[in-house]
PDB file of N, CA and C in Angstrom:
ATOM      1  N   MET A   1      57.695 143.190 111.635  1.00  0.00           N
ATOM      2  CA  MET A   1      58.331 142.734 110.405  1.00  0.00           C
ATOM      3  C   MET A   1      57.844 143.733 109.264  1.00  0.00           C
ATOM      4  N   GLN A   2      58.727 144.702 108.699  1.00  0.00           N
ATOM      5  CA  GLN A   2      58.088 145.308 107.197  1.00  0.00           C
ATOM      6  C   GLN A   2      58.136 144.476 105.861  1.00  0.00           C
ATOM      7  N   LEU A   3      57.293 144.897 105.478  1.00  0.00           N
ATOM      8  CA  LEU A   3      57.331 145.073 104.098  1.00  0.00           C
ATOM      9  C   LEU A   3      58.055 145.499 102.488  1.00  0.00           C
ATOM     10  N   GLU A   4      57.933 145.613 102.157  1.00  0.00           N
ATOM     11  CA  GLU A   4      58.754 146.265 100.568  1.00  0.00           C
ATOM     12  C   GLU A   4      57.834 146.131  99.605  1.00  0.00           C
ATOM     13  N   LYS A   5      57.046 147.338  99.283  1.00  0.00           N
ATOM     14  CA  LYS A   5      56.335 147.138  97.835  1.00  0.00           C
ATOM     15  C   LYS A   5      56.670 146.887  96.884  1.00  0.00           C
ATOM     16  N   LYS A   6      56.615 146.554  96.102  1.00  0.00           N
ATOM     17  CA  LYS A   6      57.300 146.297  94.694  1.00  0.00           C
ATOM     18  C   LYS A   6      56.255 145.751  93.147  1.00  0.00           C
ATOM     19  N   SER A   7      56.716 145.773  92.442  1.00  0.00           N
ATOM     20  CA  SER A   7      55.901 145.849  91.628  1.00  0.00           C
ATOM     21  C   SER A   7      56.308 144.629  90.801  1.00  0.00           C
ATOM     22  N   LEU A   8      55.051 143.845  89.903  1.00  0.00           N
ATOM     23  CA  LEU A   8      55.256 142.366  89.697  1.00  0.00           C
ATOM     24  C   LEU A   8      56.368 141.848  88.690  1.00  0.00           C
ATOM     25  N   ARG A   9      56.502 143.622  87.956  1.00  0.00           N
ATOM     26  CA  ARG A   9      57.676 142.997  86.787  1.00  0.00           C
ATOM     27  C   ARG A   9      59.231 142.868  87.984  1.00  0.00           C
ATOM     28  N   GLU A  10      59.135 143.554  88.889  1.00  0.00           N
ATOM     29  CA  GLU A  10      60.016 143.894  89.463  1.00  0.00           C
ATOM     30  C   GLU A  10      60.494 141.928  90.715  1.00  0.00           C
ATOM     31  N   THR A  11      59.191 141.649  90.794  1.00  0.00           N
ATOM     32  CA  THR A  11      59.751 140.812  91.400  1.00  0.00           C
ATOM     33  C   THR A  11      59.556 139.417  90.727  1.00  0.00           C
ATOM     34  N   ILE A  12      58.836 139.290  89.749  1.00  0.00           N
ATOM     35  CA  ILE A  12      59.102 137.846  88.892  1.00  0.00           C
ATOM     36  C   ILE A  12      60.163 137.874  87.834  1.00  0.00           C
ATOM     37  N   ASN A  13      60.670 136.580  87.851  1.00  0.00           N
ATOM     38  CA  ASN A  13      61.655 136.115  86.481  1.00  0.00           C
ATOM     39  C   ASN A  13      60.811 136.531  85.517  1.00  0.00           C
ATOM     40  N   LYS A  14      62.382 137.237  84.407  1.00  0.00           N
ATOM     41  CA  LYS A  14      61.727 137.188  83.210  1.00  0.00           C
ATOM     42  C   LYS A  14      60.629 136.304  82.206  1.00  0.00           C
ATOM     43  N   ALA A  15      61.531 134.744  82.213  1.00  0.00           N
ATOM     44  CA  ALA A  15      61.067 133.761  82.065  1.00  0.00           C
ATOM     45  C   ALA A  15      59.472 133.224  82.222  1.00  0.00           C
ATOM     46  N   PHE A  16      59.584 133.582  83.667  1.00  0.00           N
ATOM     47  CA  PHE A  16      57.854 133.634  84.041  1.00  0.00           C
ATOM     48  C   PHE A  16      56.547 134.624  83.407  1.00  0.00           C
ATOM     49  N   LEU A  17      57.196 135.696  83.262  1.00  0.00           N
ATOM     50  CA  LEU A  17      56.462 136.855  82.470  1.00  0.00           C
ATOM     51  C   LEU A  17      55.582 136.342  80.962  1.00  0.00           C
ATOM     52  N   LYS A  18      56.789 134.681  80.660  1.00  0.00           N
ATOM     53  CA  LYS A  18      56.434 134.446  78.876  1.00  0.00           C
ATOM     54  C   LYS A  18      55.381 133.894  79.190  1.00  0.00           C
ATOM     55  N   GLU A  19      54.766 132.941  80.205  1.00  0.00           N
ATOM     56  CA  GLU A  19      54.211 131.871  80.683  1.00  0.00           C
ATOM     57  C   GLU A  19      52.859 132.283  80.484  1.00  0.00           C
ATOM     58  N   THR A  20      51.625 131.587  79.884  1.00  0.00           N
ATOM     59  CA  THR A  20      50.193 132.354  80.069  1.00  0.00           C
ATOM     60  C   THR A  20      49.601 131.380  81.338  1.00  0.00           C
ATOM     61  N   VAL A  21      48.608 131.911  82.225  1.00  0.00           N
ATOM     62  CA  VAL A  21      48.040 131.618  83.286  1.00  0.00           C
ATOM     63  C   VAL A  21      46.506 131.504  82.947  1.00  0.00           C
ATOM     64  N   ASN A  22      45.883 130.446  83.348  1.00  0.00           N
ATOM     65  CA  ASN A  22      44.772 130.489  83.306  1.00  0.00           C
ATOM     66  C   ASN A  22      43.608 131.106  84.505  1.00  0.00           C
ATOM     67  N   ARG A  23      42.454 131.878  84.231  1.00  0.00           N
ATOM     68  CA  ARG A  23      42.353 133.012  85.707  1.00  0.00           C
ATOM     69  C   ARG A  23      41.813 131.583  86.584  1.00  0.00           C
ATOM     70  N   SER A  24      41.704 130.646  85.945  1.00  0.00           N
ATOM     71  CA  SER A  24      40.875 129.624  87.085  1.00  0.00           C
ATOM     72  C   SER A  24      42.057 129.052  87.372  1.00  0.00           C
ATOM     73  N   THR A  25      43.379 129.223  87.398  1.00  0.00           N
ATOM     74  CA  THR A  25      44.742 128.519  88.275  1.00  0.00           C
ATOM     75  C   THR A  25      44.659 130.085  89.491  1.00  0.00           C
ATOM     76  N   VAL A  26      45.191 131.308  88.576  1.00  0.00           N
ATOM     77  CA  VAL A  26      44.612 132.353  89.579  1.00  0.00           C
ATOM     78  C   VAL A  26      44.091 132.341  90.710  1.00  0.00           C
ATOM     79  N   ASN A  27      42.553 132.669  90.346  1.00  0.00           N
ATOM     80  CA  ASN A  27      41.801 132.109  91.799  1.00  0.00           C
ATOM     81  C   ASN A  27      42.028 131.208  92.536  1.00  0.00           C
ATOM     82  N   TYR A  28      42.276 129.849  92.193  1.00  0.00           N
ATOM     83  CA  TYR A  28      42.489 128.832  93.188  1.00  0.00           C
ATOM     84  C   TYR A  28      43.712 129.112  93.514  1.00  0.00           C
ATOM     85  N   PHE A  29      44.839 129.808  93.111  1.00  0.00           N
ATOM     86  CA  PHE A  29      45.911 129.780  94.054  1.00  0.00           C
ATOM     87  C   PHE A  29      45.562 130.994  95.294  1.00  0.00           C
ATOM     88  N   LYS A  30      44.678 131.853  94.798  1.00  0.00           N
ATOM     89  CA  LYS A  30      44.295 133.281  95.784  1.00  0.00           C
ATOM     90  C   LYS A  30      43.535 132.523  96.801  1.00  0.00           C
ATOM     91  N   SER A  31      42.728 132.001  96.875  1.00  0.00           N
ATOM     92  CA  SER A  31      41.845 131.075  97.542  1.00  0.00           C
ATOM     93  C   SER A  31      42.919 129.812  98.413  1.00  0.00           C
ATOM     94  N   LYS A  32      43.692 129.591  98.089  1.00  0.00           N
ATOM     95  CA  LYS A  32      44.834 128.276  99.345  1.00  0.00           C
ATOM     96  C   LYS A  32      45.274 129.334  99.496  1.00  0.00           C
ATOM     97  N   LEU A  33      45.817 130.648  99.209  1.00  0.00           N
ATOM     98  CA  LEU A  33      46.876 131.965  99.341  1.00  0.00           C
ATOM     99  C   LEU A  33      45.844 132.532 101.042  1.00  0.00           C
ATOM    100  N   GLY A  34      44.951 132.818 100.996  1.00  0.00           N
ATOM    101  CA  GLY A  34      43.671 132.929 101.752  1.00  0.00           C
ATOM    102  C   GLY A  34      43.544 131.815 103.007  1.00  0.00           C
ATOM    103  N   GLN A  35      43.275 130.757 102.259  1.00  0.00           N
ATOM    104  CA  GLN A  35      43.486 130.217 103.762  1.00  0.00           C
ATOM    105  C   GLN A  35      44.860 129.848 104.039  1.00  0.00           C
ATOM    106  N   LEU A  36      45.935 130.109 103.661  1.00  0.00           N
ATOM    107  CA  LEU A  36      47.306 129.903 104.449  1.00  0.00           C
ATOM    108  C   LEU A  36      47.361 130.988 105.387  1.00  0.00           C
ATOM    109  N   LEU A  37      46.712 132.319 105.011  1.00  0.00           N
ATOM    110  CA  LEU A  37      47.205 133.538 105.901  1.00  0.00           C
ATOM    111  C   LEU A  37      46.484 133.294 107.199  1.00  0.00           C
ATOM    112  N   ALA A  38      45.149 132.903 106.912  1.00  0.00           N
ATOM    113  CA  ALA A  38      43.987 132.706 108.128  1.00  0.00           C
ATOM    114  C   ALA A  38      44.362 131.549 109.184  1.00  0.00           C
ATOM    115  N   ASN A  39      45.384 130.219 108.607  1.00  0.00           N
ATOM    116  CA  ASN A  39      45.787 129.534 109.040  1.00  0.00           C
ATOM    117  C   ASN A  39      47.150 129.747 110.209  1.00  0.00           C
ATOM    118  N   ILE A  40      48.038 130.697 109.196  1.00  0.00           N
ATOM    119  CA  ILE A  40      48.619 131.319 109.988  1.00  0.00           C
ATOM    120  C   ILE A  40      48.722 132.205 111.272  1.00  0.00           C
ATOM    121  N   GLU A  41      47.512 133.067 110.707  1.00  0.00           N
ATOM    122  CA  GLU A  41      46.667 134.415 111.666  1.00  0.00           C
ATOM    123  C   GLU A  41      46.617 133.100 112.893  1.00  0.00           C
ATOM    124  N   LEU A  42      45.937 132.017 112.630  1.00  0.00           N
ATOM    125  CA  LEU A  42      44.831 131.563 114.094  1.00  0.00           C
ATOM    126  C   LEU A  42      46.100 130.000 114.448  1.00  0.00           C
ATOM    127  N   ALA A  43      47.548 130.185 114.317  1.00  0.00           N
ATOM    128  CA  ALA A  43      48.786 129.727 114.460  1.00  0.00           C
ATOM    129  C   ALA A  43      49.448 130.535 115.778  1.00  0.00           C
ATOM    130  N   GLU A  44      49.625 131.938 114.565  1.00  0.00           N
ATOM    131  CA  GLU A  44      50.304 132.813 116.029  1.00  0.00           C
ATOM    132  C   GLU A  44      49.487 132.967 117.084  1.00  0.00           C
ATOM    133  N   LYS A  45      48.075 133.000 117.065  1.00  0.00           N
ATOM    134  CA  LYS A  45      47.409 133.467 118.018  1.00  0.00           C
ATOM    135  C   LYS A  45      47.782 132.232 119.324  1.00  0.00           C
ATOM    136  N   LYS A  46      47.505 130.838 118.367  1.00  0.00           N
ATOM    137  CA  LYS A  46      47.222 130.004 119.696  1.00  0.00           C
ATOM    138  C   LYS A  46      49.235 129.669 120.651  1.00  0.00           C
ATOM    139  N   VAL A  47      50.205 130.913 119.553  1.00  0.00           N
ATOM    140  CA  VAL A  47      51.567 130.383 119.949  1.00  0.00           C
ATOM    141  C   VAL A  47      52.590 129.264 119.242  1.00  0.00           C
ATOM    142  N   GLU A  48      51.427 128.493 118.253  1.00  0.00           N
ATOM    143  CA  GLU A  48      52.469 127.601 117.484  1.00  0.00           C
ATOM    144  C   GLU A  48      53.285 128.287 116.789  1.00  0.00           C
ATOM    145  N   TYR A  49      54.658 128.116 116.435  1.00  0.00           N
ATOM    146  CA  TYR A  49      55.791 128.556 115.820  1.00  0.00           C
ATOM    147  C   TYR A  49      55.847 127.581 114.307  1.00  0.00           C
ATOM    148  N   GLU A  50      56.966 127.797 114.101  1.00  0.00           N
ATOM    149  CA  GLU A  50      57.539 127.432 112.826  1.00  0.00           C
ATOM    150  C   GLU A  50      57.389 126.138 112.325  1.00  0.00           C
ATOM    151  N   GLU A  51      56.582 125.218 113.175  1.00  0.00           N
ATOM    152  CA  GLU A  51      56.805 123.686 112.622  1.00  0.00           C
ATOM    153  C   GLU A  51      55.461 123.926 112.061  1.00  0.00           C
ATOM    154  N   GLU A  52      54.794 124.754 112.379  1.00  0.00           N
ATOM    155  CA  GLU A  52      52.789 124.201 112.368  1.00  0.00           C
ATOM    156  C   GLU A  52      52.692 125.328 111.192  1.00  0.00           C
ATOM    157  N   ILE A  53      53.841 126.595 110.774  1.00  0.00           N
ATOM    158  CA  ILE A  53      53.721 127.569 109.920  1.00  0.00           C
ATOM    159  C   ILE A  53      54.391 126.928 108.625  1.00  0.00           C
ATOM    160  N   ASN A  54      55.024 126.164 108.519  1.00  0.00           N
ATOM    161  CA  ASN A  54      56.211 125.445 107.946  1.00  0.00           C
ATOM    162  C   ASN A  54      55.313 124.011 107.410  1.00  0.00           C
ATOM    163  N   GLN A  55      54.627 123.984 107.680  1.00  0.00           N
ATOM    164  CA  GLN A  55      53.722 122.438 107.387  1.00  0.00           C
ATOM    165  C   GLN A  55      52.294 123.372 106.754  1.00  0.00           C
ATOM    166  N   LEU A  56      51.922 124.902 106.978  1.00  0.00           N
ATOM    167  CA  LEU A  56      51.046 125.319 106.055  1.00  0.00           C
ATOM    168  C   LEU A  56      51.389 125.520 105.052  1.00  0.00           C
ATOM    169  N   ILE A  57      52.256 125.703 105.232  1.00  0.00           N
ATOM    170  CA  ILE A  57      52.949 126.443 103.563  1.00  0.00           C
ATOM    171  C   ILE A  57      53.452 125.207 102.422  1.00  0.00           C
ATOM    172  N   ASN A  58      53.498 124.126 103.210  1.00  0.00           N
ATOM    173  CA  ASN A  58      53.831 123.442 102.633  1.00  0.00           C
ATOM    174  C   ASN A  58      52.757 122.446 101.932  1.00  0.00           C
ATOM    175  N   ASP A  59      51.278 122.801 102.977  1.00  0.00           N
ATOM    176  CA  ASP A  59      50.235 122.026 102.101  1.00  0.00           C
ATOM    177  C   ASP A  59      49.245 123.381 101.297  1.00  0.00           C
ATOM    178  N   LEU A  60      49.982 124.626 100.965  1.00  0.00           N
ATOM    179  CA  LEU A  60      49.536 125.878 100.018  1.00  0.00           C
ATOM    180  C   LEU A  60      50.362 124.920  98.571  1.00  0.00           C
ATOM    181  N   TYR A  61      51.659 124.741  98.409  1.00  0.00           N
ATOM    182  CA  TYR A  61      52.357 123.983  97.506  1.00  0.00           C
ATOM    183  C   TYR A  61      51.603 122.054  96.963  1.00  0.00           C
ATOM    184  N   LYS A  62      51.287 122.165  97.471  1.00  0.00           N
ATOM    185  CA  LYS A  62      50.732 120.210  97.560  1.00  0.00           C
ATOM    186  C   LYS A  62      49.227 120.872  96.466  1.00  0.00           C
ATOM    187  N   ILE A  63      49.259 120.589  95.367  1.00  0.00           N
ATOM    188  CA  ILE A  63      48.377 121.177  94.292  1.00  0.00           C
ATOM    189  C   ILE A  63      47.492 119.691  93.925  1.00  0.00           C
ATOM    190  N   ASN A  64      46.239 119.520  94.290  1.00  0.00           N
ATOM    191  CA  ASN A  64      45.963 118.352  94.397  1.00  0.00           C
ATOM    192  C   ASN A  64      45.283 118.154  92.613  1.00  0.00           C
ATOM    193  N   PRO A  65      45.422 117.389  91.988  1.00  0.00           N
ATOM    194  CA  PRO A  65      45.423 117.157  90.412  1.00  0.00           C
ATOM    195  C   PRO A  65      43.772 117.082  90.436  1.00  0.00           C
ATOM    196  N   GLU A  66      43.466 116.417  90.893  1.00  0.00           N
ATOM    197  CA  GLU A  66      41.601 116.603  90.447  1.00  0.00           C
ATOM    198  C   GLU A  66      40.782 117.997  90.714  1.00  0.00           C
ATOM    199  N   GLU A  67      41.388 118.310  91.665  1.00  0.00           N
ATOM    200  CA  GLU A  67      41.244 119.895  92.185  1.00  0.00           C
ATOM    201  C   GLU A  67      41.505 120.484  90.761  1.00  0.00           C
ATOM    202  N   MET A  68      42.639 120.538  90.088  1.00  0.00           N
ATOM    203  CA  MET A  68      43.024 121.432  89.182  1.00  0.00           C
ATOM    204  C   MET A  68      42.232 121.059  87.675  1.00  0.00           C
ATOM    205  N   SER A  69      41.647 119.594  87.865  1.00  0.00           N
ATOM    206  CA  SER A  69      40.905 119.054  86.400  1.00  0.00           C
ATOM    207  C   SER A  69      39.750 119.305  86.166  1.00  0.00           C
ATOM    208  N   ILE A  70      38.831 119.777  87.630  1.00  0.00           N
ATOM    209  CA  ILE A  70      37.629 120.159  88.472  1.00  0.00           C
ATOM    210  C   ILE A  70      37.841 120.940  87.565  1.00  0.00           C
ATOM    211  N   ILE A  71      38.391 122.293  88.132  1.00  0.00           N
ATOM    212  CA  ILE A  71      38.551 123.489  87.707  1.00  0.00           C
ATOM    213  C   ILE A  71      38.662 124.054  85.898  1.00  0.00           C
ATOM    214  N   GLU A  72      40.012 123.128  85.505  1.00  0.00           N
ATOM    215  CA  GLU A  72      40.048 123.784  84.269  1.00  0.00           C
ATOM    216  C   GLU A  72      38.532 122.770  83.569  1.00  0.00           C
ATOM    217  N   GLU A  73      37.760 122.246  83.654  1.00  0.00           N
ATOM    218  CA  GLU A  73      36.415 121.520  83.293  1.00  0.00           C
ATOM    219  C   GLU A  73      35.673 122.638  83.332  1.00  0.00           C
ATOM    220  N   VAL A  74      35.555 123.691  84.554  1.00  0.00           N
ATOM    221  CA  VAL A  74      34.427 124.602  84.549  1.00  0.00           C
ATOM    222  C   VAL A  74      34.961 125.693  83.841  1.00  0.00           C
ATOM    223  N   VAL A  75      36.358 126.184  83.764  1.00  0.00           N
ATOM    224  CA  VAL A  75      36.785 126.869  82.770  1.00  0.00           C
ATOM    225  C   VAL A  75      36.128 126.570  80.908  1.00  0.00           C
ATOM    226  N   ASP A  76      36.165 125.544  80.656  1.00  0.00           N
ATOM    227  CA  ASP A  76      35.755 124.728  79.328  1.00  0.00           C
ATOM    228  C   ASP A  76      34.742 125.250  79.314  1.00  0.00           C
TER     229      ASP A  76
END
């Protein structure tokens, strides 16, 4: 699989560029993304395919409101 390098402005919808995001939210997403990539690598080593990887991606999109409130408290 070949990855194509694009700038942030090329990839993000213009409406999203107007949104402000807390640094803690970005860091939380980065940590979850890192976990996702590590889990995908493990799944590939185990030769587990589409279902396992889809489940891992779905877990990334599930944001626990309790975790987010803790992050917001730390930032404030």
